Protein backbone atom coordinates (compact mmCIF):
# COMPACT_ATOMS: atom_id res chain seq x y z
CA UNK A 1 0.00 0.00 0.00
CA UNK A 2 1.39 3.36 -0.95
CA UNK A 3 1.67 5.43 2.23
CA UNK A 4 1.65 8.78 0.48
CA UNK A 5 -1.41 8.02 -1.62
CA UNK A 6 -3.20 6.73 1.46
CA UNK A 7 -2.40 9.93 3.36
CA UNK A 8 -3.47 12.09 0.43
CA UNK A 9 -6.83 10.35 0.02
CA UNK A 10 -7.49 10.39 3.77
CA UNK A 11 -6.76 14.13 3.93
CA UNK A 12 -9.09 14.77 1.00
CA UNK A 13 -11.88 13.04 2.92
CA UNK A 14 -10.97 14.66 6.24
CA UNK A 15 -9.97 11.38 7.87
CA UNK A 16 -7.17 11.18 10.42
CA UNK A 17 -5.02 8.21 11.39
CA UNK A 18 -7.26 7.89 14.45
CA UNK A 19 -10.36 7.62 12.25
CA UNK A 20 -8.83 4.90 10.10
CA UNK A 21 -7.52 3.01 13.15
CA UNK A 22 -11.03 3.05 14.66
CA UNK A 23 -12.50 1.82 11.39
CA UNK A 24 -10.04 -1.07 11.39
CA UNK A 25 -10.59 -1.74 15.10
CA UNK A 26 -6.88 -1.41 15.89
CA UNK A 27 -4.98 1.15 17.94
CA UNK A 28 -3.37 4.15 16.30
CA UNK A 29 0.19 2.90 16.87
CA UNK A 30 -0.62 -0.37 15.11
CA UNK A 31 -2.18 1.51 12.20
CA UNK A 32 0.91 3.72 11.92
CA UNK A 33 3.23 0.67 11.87
CA UNK A 34 1.13 -0.82 9.08
CA UNK A 35 0.97 2.46 7.17
CA UNK A 36 4.76 2.91 7.18
CA UNK A 37 5.36 -0.72 6.21
CA UNK A 38 6.69 -2.14 9.47
CA UNK A 39 3.70 -4.52 9.58
CA UNK A 40 1.35 -5.71 6.88
CA UNK A 41 -2.30 -4.82 6.49
CA UNK A 42 -4.59 -7.82 6.37
CA UNK A 43 -6.68 -8.33 3.27
CA UNK A 44 -9.79 -7.41 5.26
CA UNK A 45 -8.18 -4.17 6.49
CA UNK A 46 -7.19 -3.20 2.96
CA UNK A 47 -10.71 -3.88 1.73
CA UNK A 48 -12.16 -1.65 4.47
CA UNK A 49 -9.77 1.18 3.65
CA UNK A 50 -10.50 0.95 -0.08
CA UNK A 51 -14.21 0.86 0.59
CA UNK A 52 -14.22 3.91 2.87
CA UNK A 53 -11.99 5.90 0.54
CA UNK A 54 -13.86 4.63 -2.54
CA UNK A 55 -10.62 3.54 -4.23
CA UNK A 56 -9.53 0.69 -6.43
CA UNK A 57 -6.59 -1.51 -5.48
CA UNK A 58 -4.50 0.03 -8.26
CA UNK A 59 -5.07 3.59 -7.07
CA UNK A 60 -3.99 2.74 -3.54
CA UNK A 61 -0.93 0.82 -4.68
CA UNK A 62 0.29 3.74 -6.75
CA UNK A 63 -0.25 2.68 -10.36
CA UNK A 64 0.27 5.94 -12.29
CA UNK A 65 -2.24 4.91 -14.97
CA UNK A 66 -5.19 5.01 -12.56
CA UNK A 67 -4.77 8.52 -11.18
C-alpha atoms as a PDB file:
ATOM      1  CA  UNK A   1       0.000   0.000   0.000  1.00  0.00           C
ATOM      2  CA  UNK A   2       1.387   3.363  -0.951  1.00  0.00           C
ATOM      3  CA  UNK A   3       1.667   5.427   2.235  1.00  0.00           C
ATOM      4  CA  UNK A   4       1.652   8.778   0.481  1.00  0.00           C
ATOM      5  CA  UNK A   5      -1.414   8.024  -1.623  1.00  0.00           C
ATOM      6  CA  UNK A   6      -3.204   6.727   1.462  1.00  0.00           C
ATOM      7  CA  UNK A   7      -2.396   9.932   3.358  1.00  0.00           C
ATOM      8  CA  UNK A   8      -3.474  12.093   0.428  1.00  0.00           C
ATOM      9  CA  UNK A   9      -6.831  10.350   0.020  1.00  0.00           C
ATOM     10  CA  UNK A  10      -7.487  10.392   3.775  1.00  0.00           C
ATOM     11  CA  UNK A  11      -6.765  14.132   3.933  1.00  0.00           C
ATOM     12  CA  UNK A  12      -9.092  14.772   0.997  1.00  0.00           C
ATOM     13  CA  UNK A  13     -11.875  13.044   2.924  1.00  0.00           C
ATOM     14  CA  UNK A  14     -10.974  14.660   6.244  1.00  0.00           C
ATOM     15  CA  UNK A  15      -9.966  11.375   7.875  1.00  0.00           C
ATOM     16  CA  UNK A  16      -7.173  11.180  10.421  1.00  0.00           C
ATOM     17  CA  UNK A  17      -5.022   8.212  11.389  1.00  0.00           C
ATOM     18  CA  UNK A  18      -7.257   7.888  14.453  1.00  0.00           C
ATOM     19  CA  UNK A  19     -10.361   7.616  12.251  1.00  0.00           C
ATOM     20  CA  UNK A  20      -8.832   4.897  10.102  1.00  0.00           C
ATOM     21  CA  UNK A  21      -7.524   3.006  13.152  1.00  0.00           C
ATOM     22  CA  UNK A  22     -11.027   3.048  14.657  1.00  0.00           C
ATOM     23  CA  UNK A  23     -12.495   1.823  11.392  1.00  0.00           C
ATOM     24  CA  UNK A  24     -10.035  -1.074  11.391  1.00  0.00           C
ATOM     25  CA  UNK A  25     -10.594  -1.740  15.104  1.00  0.00           C
ATOM     26  CA  UNK A  26      -6.884  -1.406  15.886  1.00  0.00           C
ATOM     27  CA  UNK A  27      -4.985   1.145  17.943  1.00  0.00           C
ATOM     28  CA  UNK A  28      -3.374   4.154  16.304  1.00  0.00           C
ATOM     29  CA  UNK A  29       0.190   2.900  16.866  1.00  0.00           C
ATOM     30  CA  UNK A  30      -0.624  -0.375  15.108  1.00  0.00           C
ATOM     31  CA  UNK A  31      -2.180   1.505  12.201  1.00  0.00           C
ATOM     32  CA  UNK A  32       0.911   3.720  11.922  1.00  0.00           C
ATOM     33  CA  UNK A  33       3.231   0.671  11.865  1.00  0.00           C
ATOM     34  CA  UNK A  34       1.134  -0.817   9.084  1.00  0.00           C
ATOM     35  CA  UNK A  35       0.966   2.461   7.166  1.00  0.00           C
ATOM     36  CA  UNK A  36       4.759   2.909   7.175  1.00  0.00           C
ATOM     37  CA  UNK A  37       5.359  -0.722   6.214  1.00  0.00           C
ATOM     38  CA  UNK A  38       6.690  -2.139   9.475  1.00  0.00           C
ATOM     39  CA  UNK A  39       3.704  -4.523   9.576  1.00  0.00           C
ATOM     40  CA  UNK A  40       1.351  -5.711   6.879  1.00  0.00           C
ATOM     41  CA  UNK A  41      -2.305  -4.821   6.492  1.00  0.00           C
ATOM     42  CA  UNK A  42      -4.593  -7.820   6.371  1.00  0.00           C
ATOM     43  CA  UNK A  43      -6.685  -8.326   3.271  1.00  0.00           C
ATOM     44  CA  UNK A  44      -9.790  -7.411   5.258  1.00  0.00           C
ATOM     45  CA  UNK A  45      -8.181  -4.167   6.487  1.00  0.00           C
ATOM     46  CA  UNK A  46      -7.190  -3.200   2.963  1.00  0.00           C
ATOM     47  CA  UNK A  47     -10.709  -3.878   1.735  1.00  0.00           C
ATOM     48  CA  UNK A  48     -12.160  -1.648   4.468  1.00  0.00           C
ATOM     49  CA  UNK A  49      -9.770   1.181   3.647  1.00  0.00           C
ATOM     50  CA  UNK A  50     -10.496   0.950  -0.077  1.00  0.00           C
ATOM     51  CA  UNK A  51     -14.212   0.857   0.591  1.00  0.00           C
ATOM     52  CA  UNK A  52     -14.220   3.911   2.873  1.00  0.00           C
ATOM     53  CA  UNK A  53     -11.986   5.902   0.536  1.00  0.00           C
ATOM     54  CA  UNK A  54     -13.855   4.626  -2.536  1.00  0.00           C
ATOM     55  CA  UNK A  55     -10.619   3.540  -4.233  1.00  0.00           C
ATOM     56  CA  UNK A  56      -9.526   0.689  -6.426  1.00  0.00           C
ATOM     57  CA  UNK A  57      -6.590  -1.510  -5.481  1.00  0.00           C
ATOM     58  CA  UNK A  58      -4.496   0.031  -8.257  1.00  0.00           C
ATOM     59  CA  UNK A  59      -5.070   3.594  -7.071  1.00  0.00           C
ATOM     60  CA  UNK A  60      -3.992   2.741  -3.538  1.00  0.00           C
ATOM     61  CA  UNK A  61      -0.929   0.819  -4.676  1.00  0.00           C
ATOM     62  CA  UNK A  62       0.294   3.737  -6.753  1.00  0.00           C
ATOM     63  CA  UNK A  63      -0.246   2.679 -10.358  1.00  0.00           C
ATOM     64  CA  UNK A  64       0.266   5.935 -12.292  1.00  0.00           C
ATOM     65  CA  UNK A  65      -2.236   4.914 -14.971  1.00  0.00           C
ATOM     66  CA  UNK A  66      -5.191   5.007 -12.559  1.00  0.00           C
ATOM     67  CA  UNK A  67      -4.770   8.521 -11.178  1.00  0.00           C
END
